[in-house]
Amino acid sequence: MAKHDIVPDDVPTDDLAERVRDGLRAVADPDLGSDVLESGLVTDVSVDERVVRIGADLTGLDDPTAEDVTEALRRRALSTPGVERATIEGETPNAGADDAIDGAAGVDTVIAVASAKGGVGKTTVSTQLARALAADPDRDVGIFDADLYGPNVPELLALEGPVSANAAGDAEPIDAGDLTAMSVGLIANDEPLAWRGAMAHEAVSELFEDTAWGDLDTLVVDLPPGTGDIVLTALQSLPIDGAVLVSTPHPTSVGDTSRSATLFEENGVPLLGTVVNMRGFTCDCGREHDLFPDTDVEAALDQPVLCDLPFDERVRDFGDDVPPEALELADAVRERLAAVGDLSVPDHALDLRGLPKPIRHEQATAEFRATEPGETFYLLNDHDPSPLAAELVGAVGREGPPGDAFEEYAVRRRAPDEWVLAVTR
């Protein structure tokens, strides 16, 4: 049972906000030692439709400390019964602008592959997906191994370093048949890795940005398992067009995957769907067997299952032929990318970036009221506009969440500081 299911739907907003505040008192201000509410580091806590927005002033902290505090606030808020989503807003040391990566030159589409925990076959799935996408002779595909603590892509593809640099000083990816690949494992040469915080951020960002990928149609990024700082860095700084989650059918794994999916959604990364790995196996006698208790993954995660992979040696075969299941997965990923593609924003979109909060809300509701039934309203914001969309529901006398109240409703994150909201009345 999800944590918010144990709280009545009509729980007063003020009560839920107070519960969140109580939880945040367990987070200490790293400079003053007192809790973040007493010190004034947290400036505001508001709740709208089970979405918590925490205002915070992090300008006095260095980047790694600000990241740690932000994650602590988010986790405390999400641990409060009744809370479905939590966003942290406010001034940061560099307002996030310096950390943003516009993208690797020549790379068209970036697909992230992630898992809530290790051991579910994430790297196998990401590598086979890249191989399957590269099986199209008209497509150039690469794979970026961003799993700093377990860089296994070189082993699966039988790749060896060292990595060389081109005339511009950028790292040259290694050829892997139809693929090009880059991994910290090709640089570290099996040395133990103990990076964290800012070091991990720098390693992921610079290796991605300073690799001479060339002209690629698709780059598959193999993320570390879990929801730690490297994953958060990738979601907030890399130009990810869509994410594939990997889980086993076990209820515990599916539950953890649900929390991982929430992190992606909070950072505006479209979820393409889930790969269910190790669904079962067929013995020599022809009988099918389950390895785990079965779960309706599609219903539990409210997103499509892209592919069911059996526990079979052919799925882990990285020889000349790409497994048919991987080719099936590649087709499903291409279809989902087309379905969740980037929103086309017209020139008349309302741009709220940089405006004070009261003005944003006033302008958004006023212009939305002026739209005609059937007309699509677009706005640009520098953070997640989902809570603002909930206000638009009431502005035109509707009820319920935006996805139910409007004919069409979509939120996309096009860059670390650029979000798009599209609502059709």
Protein backbone atom coordinates (compact mmCIF):
# COMPACT_ATOMS: atom_id res chain seq x y z
CA MET A 1 0.00 0.00 0.00
CA ALA A 2 1.38 3.42 -0.94
CA LYS A 3 1.99 5.73 1.96
CA HIS A 4 -0.54 8.31 0.77
CA ASP A 5 -3.28 5.66 0.61
CA ILE A 6 -3.47 5.44 4.38
CA VAL A 7 -4.49 9.11 4.66
CA PRO A 8 -8.09 10.13 3.83
CA ASP A 9 -8.57 12.08 0.61
CA ASP A 10 -10.15 14.94 2.52
CA VAL A 11 -7.25 15.45 4.93
CA PRO A 12 -7.03 19.23 5.51
CA THR A 13 -4.22 20.88 3.59
CA ASP A 14 -3.13 22.81 6.67
CA ASP A 15 -2.83 19.57 8.68
CA LEU A 16 -0.71 17.94 5.99
CA ALA A 17 1.52 21.02 5.71
CA GLU A 18 2.01 20.99 9.49
CA ARG A 19 2.97 17.30 9.39
CA VAL A 20 5.56 18.09 6.74
CA ARG A 21 6.94 20.94 8.85
CA ASP A 22 7.23 18.61 11.83
CA GLY A 23 9.23 16.17 9.72
CA LEU A 24 11.53 18.89 8.40
CA ARG A 25 12.55 19.78 11.95
CA ALA A 26 14.71 16.63 11.85
CA VAL A 27 16.88 18.27 9.13
CA ALA A 28 19.69 20.40 10.57
CA ASP A 29 20.98 23.64 9.11
CA PRO A 30 24.60 22.70 8.23
CA ASP A 31 25.88 26.14 9.25
CA LEU A 32 23.92 26.93 12.43
CA GLY A 33 23.20 23.44 13.72
CA SER A 34 19.56 24.23 14.54
CA ASP A 35 16.72 22.75 12.50
CA VAL A 36 16.04 24.26 9.08
CA LEU A 37 12.76 25.88 10.19
CA GLU A 38 14.24 27.55 13.25
CA SER A 39 17.23 28.86 11.29
CA GLY A 40 15.10 30.22 8.47
CA LEU A 41 16.73 28.04 5.83
CA VAL A 42 13.24 26.75 4.97
CA THR A 43 11.17 29.83 4.17
CA ASP A 44 7.83 28.29 3.23
CA VAL A 45 5.93 24.99 3.17
CA SER A 46 2.76 24.73 1.10
CA VAL A 47 0.58 21.81 0.00
CA ASP A 48 -1.62 21.58 -3.07
CA GLU A 49 -3.32 18.32 -4.07
CA ARG A 50 -0.83 16.26 -2.00
CA VAL A 51 2.05 18.07 -3.75
CA VAL A 52 4.42 19.73 -1.26
CA ARG A 53 6.40 22.79 -2.23
CA ILE A 54 9.24 23.75 0.10
CA GLY A 55 10.77 27.19 -0.22
CA ALA A 56 14.43 27.24 0.82
CA ASP A 57 17.26 29.77 0.88
CA LEU A 58 20.44 27.84 0.05
CA THR A 59 22.52 30.76 -1.21
CA GLY A 60 24.92 30.61 1.74
CA LEU A 61 25.88 26.97 1.12
CA ASP A 62 28.40 25.49 -1.27
CA ASP A 63 27.10 23.29 -4.09
CA PRO A 64 27.64 19.85 -2.48
CA THR A 65 26.09 20.95 0.82
CA ALA A 66 23.13 22.53 -0.96
CA GLU A 67 22.58 19.26 -2.84
CA ASP A 68 22.69 17.25 0.39
CA VAL A 69 20.23 19.59 2.14
CA THR A 70 17.87 19.58 -0.84
CA GLU A 71 17.81 15.78 -0.91
CA ALA A 72 17.28 15.61 2.87
CA LEU A 73 14.32 18.00 2.62
CA ARG A 74 12.80 16.08 -0.26
CA ARG A 75 13.13 12.71 1.45
CA ARG A 76 11.66 14.02 4.72
CA ALA A 77 8.69 15.48 2.90
CA LEU A 78 8.07 12.28 0.91
CA SER A 79 8.19 10.23 4.12
CA THR A 80 5.15 12.13 5.43
CA PRO A 81 1.94 10.06 5.03
CA GLY A 82 -0.29 11.70 2.46
CA VAL A 83 2.46 13.32 0.40
CA GLU A 84 2.70 12.18 -3.23
CA ARG A 85 5.30 14.61 -4.58
CA ALA A 86 7.74 17.13 -3.16
CA THR A 87 9.61 19.95 -4.86
CA ILE A 88 12.25 22.25 -3.41
CA GLU A 89 12.20 25.83 -4.68
CA GLY A 90 14.28 28.89 -3.96
CA GLU A 91 17.68 30.42 -4.46
CA THR A 92 20.68 28.08 -4.74
CA PRO A 93 24.40 28.91 -4.79
CA ASN A 94 24.48 29.22 -8.58
CA ALA A 95 20.77 29.06 -9.37
CA GLY A 96 21.54 25.80 -11.23
CA ALA A 97 22.57 27.62 -14.41
CA ASP A 98 26.23 26.70 -14.34
CA ASP A 99 25.46 23.00 -13.86
CA ALA A 100 23.15 22.71 -16.83
CA ILE A 101 24.43 20.78 -19.84
CA ASP A 102 22.80 21.78 -23.11
CA GLY A 103 23.80 18.49 -24.70
CA ALA A 104 26.61 16.75 -26.48
CA ALA A 105 27.18 18.21 -29.93
CA GLY A 106 25.63 16.04 -32.62
CA VAL A 107 23.56 13.80 -30.29
CA ASP A 108 19.88 13.88 -31.19
CA THR A 109 18.12 11.71 -28.58
CA VAL A 110 19.27 10.65 -25.09
CA ILE A 111 17.61 7.65 -23.40
CA ALA A 112 18.36 6.85 -19.76
CA VAL A 113 18.06 3.31 -18.39
CA ALA A 114 17.66 3.11 -14.61
CA SER A 115 16.68 0.77 -11.81
CA ALA A 116 15.61 1.26 -8.22
CA LYS A 117 18.12 -1.31 -6.98
CA GLY A 118 21.06 -3.32 -8.20
CA GLY A 119 20.93 -6.89 -9.42
CA VAL A 120 17.88 -6.58 -11.68
CA GLY A 121 19.83 -6.64 -14.96
CA LYS A 122 19.84 -2.90 -15.73
CA THR A 123 23.21 -2.85 -17.52
CA THR A 124 22.30 -5.92 -19.55
CA VAL A 125 19.08 -4.22 -20.63
CA SER A 126 20.74 -0.89 -21.45
CA THR A 127 23.53 -2.54 -23.45
CA GLN A 128 21.18 -4.83 -25.39
CA LEU A 129 18.85 -1.89 -26.05
CA ALA A 130 21.76 0.10 -27.49
CA ARG A 131 22.79 -2.85 -29.66
CA ALA A 132 19.21 -3.31 -30.88
CA LEU A 133 18.86 0.37 -31.76
CA ALA A 134 22.20 0.21 -33.57
CA ALA A 135 20.98 -2.78 -35.61
CA ASP A 136 19.22 -0.24 -37.83
CA PRO A 137 21.89 0.50 -40.46
CA ASP A 138 20.55 4.03 -40.91
CA ARG A 139 21.05 4.93 -37.24
CA ASP A 140 24.22 5.82 -35.36
CA VAL A 141 24.00 4.84 -31.70
CA GLY A 142 26.23 5.17 -28.65
CA ILE A 143 26.16 4.06 -25.02
CA PHE A 144 27.38 6.09 -22.04
CA ASP A 145 28.17 4.08 -18.90
CA ALA A 146 27.41 6.55 -16.09
CA ASP A 147 27.48 3.89 -13.35
CA LEU A 148 30.60 5.17 -11.61
CA TYR A 149 30.67 2.49 -8.92
CA GLY A 150 29.88 -0.47 -11.16
CA PRO A 151 30.94 0.33 -14.74
CA ASN A 152 30.17 -3.03 -16.36
CA VAL A 153 29.47 -1.99 -19.95
CA PRO A 154 33.12 -2.49 -21.03
CA GLU A 155 33.04 -6.05 -19.69
CA LEU A 156 29.77 -6.90 -21.47
CA LEU A 157 31.04 -5.50 -24.78
CA ALA A 158 34.61 -6.81 -24.29
CA LEU A 159 36.10 -3.32 -24.48
CA GLU A 160 39.48 -2.20 -23.21
CA GLY A 161 41.10 1.20 -22.68
CA PRO A 162 42.96 3.37 -22.57
CA VAL A 163 40.81 6.11 -24.03
CA SER A 164 42.63 8.45 -26.38
CA ALA A 165 41.98 12.14 -27.00
CA ASN A 166 41.41 13.94 -30.29
CA ALA A 167 43.14 17.13 -31.41
CA ALA A 168 40.64 19.23 -29.45
CA GLY A 169 41.40 17.33 -26.26
CA ASP A 170 38.06 15.51 -26.14
CA ALA A 171 37.89 11.81 -25.25
CA GLU A 172 37.35 9.48 -28.17
CA PRO A 173 34.69 6.81 -27.55
CA ILE A 174 35.60 3.19 -28.18
CA ASP A 175 34.17 1.38 -31.20
CA ALA A 176 32.05 -1.62 -30.21
CA GLY A 177 30.83 -3.04 -33.49
CA ASP A 178 27.87 -0.92 -34.56
CA LEU A 179 28.12 1.07 -31.31
CA THR A 180 30.36 3.72 -29.87
CA ALA A 181 30.88 3.51 -26.11
CA MET A 182 32.29 5.53 -23.25
CA SER A 183 32.64 4.43 -19.64
CA VAL A 184 34.54 5.53 -16.57
CA GLY A 185 35.64 1.90 -16.50
CA LEU A 186 37.70 2.58 -19.61
CA ILE A 187 39.50 5.37 -17.74
CA ALA A 188 39.83 3.97 -14.22
CA ASN A 189 41.42 0.67 -15.36
CA ASP A 190 39.83 -1.30 -12.50
CA GLU A 191 41.03 1.16 -9.86
CA PRO A 192 38.65 1.41 -6.88
CA LEU A 193 36.29 4.39 -7.11
CA ALA A 194 35.28 6.37 -4.03
CA TRP A 195 33.78 9.50 -5.58
CA ARG A 196 30.79 11.22 -4.03
CA GLY A 197 29.02 14.55 -4.05
CA ALA A 198 30.69 17.18 -6.20
CA MET A 199 33.35 14.72 -7.41
CA ALA A 200 30.69 12.37 -8.75
CA HIS A 201 28.82 15.25 -10.35
CA GLU A 202 31.99 16.46 -12.05
CA ALA A 203 32.86 12.98 -13.29
CA VAL A 204 29.43 12.36 -14.85
CA SER A 205 29.05 15.85 -16.31
CA GLU A 206 32.52 16.22 -17.77
CA LEU A 207 32.77 12.70 -19.18
CA PHE A 208 29.41 13.16 -20.92
CA GLU A 209 30.18 16.63 -22.21
CA ASP A 210 33.84 16.09 -23.12
CA THR A 211 33.40 12.92 -25.15
CA ALA A 212 33.62 13.32 -28.94
CA TRP A 213 30.40 11.43 -29.65
CA GLY A 214 30.16 12.60 -33.25
CA ASP A 215 26.78 12.64 -34.97
CA LEU A 216 24.58 10.17 -33.08
CA ASP A 217 20.90 9.56 -33.56
CA THR A 218 20.59 8.00 -30.09
CA LEU A 219 22.73 7.81 -26.96
CA VAL A 220 21.74 5.28 -24.28
CA VAL A 221 22.84 6.25 -20.74
CA ASP A 222 23.28 3.44 -18.20
CA LEU A 223 22.62 5.11 -14.82
CA PRO A 224 23.67 3.75 -11.42
CA PRO A 225 20.97 1.90 -9.48
CA GLY A 226 18.93 3.71 -6.85
CA THR A 227 18.11 7.39 -6.40
CA GLY A 228 21.45 8.73 -5.15
CA ASP A 229 23.38 11.85 -6.02
CA ILE A 230 24.72 10.60 -9.37
CA VAL A 231 21.23 9.71 -10.61
CA LEU A 232 19.88 13.05 -9.41
CA THR A 233 22.78 14.83 -11.12
CA ALA A 234 22.02 13.06 -14.39
CA LEU A 235 18.32 13.89 -14.22
CA GLN A 236 18.95 17.55 -13.45
CA SER A 237 21.82 18.22 -15.83
CA LEU A 238 21.82 15.78 -18.76
CA PRO A 239 19.39 16.42 -21.66
CA ILE A 240 17.41 13.18 -21.20
CA ASP A 241 14.53 12.73 -23.65
CA GLY A 242 13.05 9.64 -21.99
CA ALA A 243 13.77 6.99 -19.38
CA VAL A 244 13.38 3.22 -19.28
CA LEU A 245 13.06 1.59 -15.86
CA VAL A 246 14.15 -2.00 -15.19
CA SER A 247 12.53 -4.20 -12.53
CA THR A 248 11.94 -7.83 -11.72
CA PRO A 249 8.31 -8.96 -11.20
CA HIS A 250 8.85 -9.25 -7.43
CA PRO A 251 6.45 -6.95 -5.52
CA THR A 252 9.31 -5.43 -3.51
CA SER A 253 11.24 -4.56 -6.66
CA VAL A 254 8.13 -3.09 -8.27
CA GLY A 255 7.45 -1.01 -5.16
CA ASP A 256 10.99 0.37 -5.18
CA THR A 257 10.66 1.08 -8.90
CA SER A 258 7.56 3.15 -8.19
CA ARG A 259 9.58 5.44 -5.93
CA SER A 260 12.29 5.68 -8.56
CA ALA A 261 9.65 6.63 -11.14
CA THR A 262 8.48 9.43 -8.86
CA LEU A 263 11.99 10.91 -8.84
CA PHE A 264 12.06 10.96 -12.65
CA GLU A 265 8.63 12.56 -12.84
CA GLU A 266 9.61 15.20 -10.28
CA ASN A 267 12.52 16.15 -12.51
CA GLY A 268 10.42 16.34 -15.65
CA VAL A 269 11.92 13.32 -17.41
CA PRO A 270 9.30 11.46 -19.49
CA LEU A 271 8.98 7.81 -18.53
CA LEU A 272 8.91 5.57 -21.59
CA GLY A 273 7.96 2.47 -19.62
CA THR A 274 9.32 -0.51 -17.73
CA VAL A 275 11.28 -3.58 -18.74
CA VAL A 276 10.30 -6.56 -16.59
CA ASN A 277 13.42 -8.71 -16.38
CA MET A 278 13.66 -12.34 -15.25
CA ARG A 279 9.93 -12.88 -15.72
CA GLY A 280 10.49 -16.65 -15.68
CA PHE A 281 12.23 -19.47 -17.46
CA THR A 282 11.41 -22.53 -19.55
CA CYS A 283 13.14 -25.71 -18.47
CA ASP A 284 14.38 -28.45 -20.81
CA CYS A 285 11.10 -30.30 -20.31
CA GLY A 286 9.20 -27.41 -21.86
CA ARG A 287 7.44 -26.29 -18.70
CA GLU A 288 7.42 -22.58 -17.77
CA HIS A 289 8.41 -21.54 -14.27
CA ASP A 290 8.17 -18.26 -12.36
CA LEU A 291 11.20 -17.02 -10.44
CA PHE A 292 9.33 -14.44 -8.34
CA PRO A 293 5.82 -13.81 -7.07
CA ASP A 294 3.94 -12.20 -9.94
CA THR A 295 2.83 -8.57 -9.94
CA ASP A 296 0.72 -6.53 -12.37
CA VAL A 297 3.61 -4.19 -13.11
CA GLU A 298 1.71 -2.02 -15.58
CA ALA A 299 -1.07 -1.35 -13.09
CA ALA A 300 1.31 -0.86 -10.15
CA LEU A 301 3.47 1.70 -11.97
CA ASP A 302 0.75 3.24 -14.17
CA GLN A 303 3.01 3.06 -17.20
CA PRO A 304 3.43 0.60 -20.06
CA VAL A 305 5.50 -2.56 -19.89
CA LEU A 306 7.84 -2.27 -22.85
CA CYS A 307 9.08 -5.85 -22.77
CA ASP A 308 9.05 -9.00 -20.63
CA LEU A 309 12.48 -10.64 -20.60
CA PRO A 310 12.87 -14.30 -19.65
CA PHE A 311 15.64 -15.68 -17.46
CA ASP A 312 17.46 -17.09 -20.44
CA GLU A 313 21.07 -17.19 -21.57
CA ARG A 314 20.21 -15.68 -24.95
CA VAL A 315 19.21 -12.39 -23.26
CA ARG A 316 22.75 -12.19 -21.88
CA ASP A 317 24.41 -13.14 -25.18
CA PHE A 318 26.51 -10.30 -26.57
CA GLY A 319 27.71 -12.16 -29.62
CA ASP A 320 27.02 -11.21 -33.23
CA ASP A 321 23.23 -11.52 -33.16
CA VAL A 322 21.01 -9.20 -31.12
CA PRO A 323 18.39 -11.16 -29.12
CA PRO A 324 14.88 -10.86 -30.58
CA GLU A 325 13.58 -9.62 -27.23
CA ALA A 326 16.01 -6.67 -27.43
CA LEU A 327 14.80 -5.84 -30.94
CA GLU A 328 11.23 -5.90 -29.60
CA LEU A 329 12.29 -3.54 -26.83
CA ALA A 330 13.93 -1.14 -29.29
CA ASP A 331 10.71 -0.96 -31.32
CA ALA A 332 8.67 -0.25 -28.19
CA VAL A 333 11.11 2.48 -27.09
CA ARG A 334 10.94 4.19 -30.48
CA GLU A 335 7.14 4.16 -30.36
CA ARG A 336 7.07 5.62 -26.86
CA LEU A 337 9.60 8.32 -27.75
CA ALA A 338 7.29 9.42 -30.55
CA ALA A 339 4.30 9.39 -28.19
CA VAL A 340 5.92 11.49 -25.44
CA GLY A 341 7.90 13.71 -27.77
CA ASP A 342 8.86 17.25 -26.90
CA LEU A 343 6.10 19.84 -26.77
CA SER A 344 6.18 22.36 -29.57
CA VAL A 345 5.90 25.76 -27.90
CA PRO A 346 4.36 28.61 -29.90
CA ASP A 347 5.80 32.13 -29.81
CA HIS A 348 2.81 33.41 -27.86
CA ALA A 349 3.47 31.07 -24.88
CA LEU A 350 3.38 32.83 -21.52
CA ASP A 351 6.97 33.03 -20.22
CA LEU A 352 7.02 33.18 -16.40
CA ARG A 353 10.71 32.51 -15.89
CA GLY A 354 12.38 34.87 -13.45
CA LEU A 355 9.16 36.51 -12.26
CA PRO A 356 8.20 36.69 -8.56
CA LYS A 357 5.83 33.95 -7.43
CA PRO A 358 2.72 36.16 -6.88
CA ILE A 359 3.08 37.68 -10.36
CA ARG A 360 3.49 34.24 -11.96
CA HIS A 361 0.26 32.97 -10.44
CA GLU A 362 -1.66 36.16 -11.22
CA GLN A 363 -0.57 36.24 -14.87
CA ALA A 364 -1.10 32.52 -15.42
CA THR A 365 -4.65 32.46 -14.07
CA ALA A 366 -5.61 35.70 -15.87
CA GLU A 367 -4.37 34.51 -19.27
CA PHE A 368 -5.78 31.03 -18.83
CA ARG A 369 -9.23 32.44 -18.09
CA ALA A 370 -8.96 34.39 -21.35
CA THR A 371 -8.46 31.24 -23.46
CA GLU A 372 -11.43 29.88 -25.40
CA PRO A 373 -12.83 26.34 -24.88
CA GLY A 374 -10.80 23.97 -27.02
CA GLU A 375 -7.82 26.34 -27.14
CA THR A 376 -4.44 25.19 -25.79
CA PHE A 377 -2.71 27.39 -23.23
CA TYR A 378 1.11 27.23 -23.08
CA LEU A 379 3.48 28.58 -20.46
CA LEU A 380 7.21 28.40 -19.77
CA ASN A 381 8.54 28.20 -16.22
CA ASP A 382 11.95 27.69 -14.61
CA HIS A 383 10.71 24.93 -12.30
CA ASP A 384 7.96 22.30 -12.26
CA PRO A 385 4.66 24.07 -13.08
CA SER A 386 2.45 21.17 -11.91
CA PRO A 387 1.30 22.95 -8.69
CA LEU A 388 0.43 25.99 -10.80
CA ALA A 389 -1.62 23.77 -13.11
CA ALA A 390 -3.70 22.72 -10.10
CA GLU A 391 -4.58 26.39 -9.55
CA LEU A 392 -5.73 26.70 -13.15
CA VAL A 393 -8.34 24.01 -12.47
CA GLY A 394 -10.08 26.22 -9.93
CA ALA A 395 -9.57 29.34 -12.05
CA VAL A 396 -12.10 28.07 -14.60
CA GLY A 397 -14.45 26.37 -12.15
CA ARG A 398 -13.29 22.81 -12.71
CA GLU A 399 -12.59 20.11 -10.12
CA GLY A 400 -10.09 17.30 -9.70
CA PRO A 401 -6.48 16.91 -10.82
CA PRO A 402 -5.44 18.68 -14.04
CA GLY A 403 -5.18 15.43 -15.97
CA ASP A 404 -8.88 14.77 -15.34
CA ALA A 405 -10.14 18.35 -15.42
CA PHE A 406 -8.78 19.25 -18.86
CA GLU A 407 -9.11 17.69 -22.29
CA GLU A 408 -5.33 17.66 -22.70
CA TYR A 409 -2.67 18.27 -20.07
CA ALA A 410 1.09 17.84 -20.37
CA VAL A 411 4.22 18.94 -18.53
CA ARG A 412 7.68 18.59 -20.05
CA ARG A 413 11.13 19.57 -18.82
CA ARG A 414 13.11 20.71 -21.86
CA ALA A 415 16.19 21.89 -19.94
CA PRO A 416 17.26 22.08 -16.28
CA ASP A 417 15.67 25.53 -15.99
CA GLU A 418 12.98 25.34 -18.69
CA TRP A 419 9.64 23.60 -18.16
CA VAL A 420 6.64 23.65 -20.47
CA LEU A 421 2.98 23.39 -19.44
CA ALA A 422 0.29 22.80 -22.08
CA VAL A 423 -3.38 22.74 -21.08
CA THR A 424 -6.40 22.47 -23.38
CA ARG A 425 -9.70 23.66 -21.93
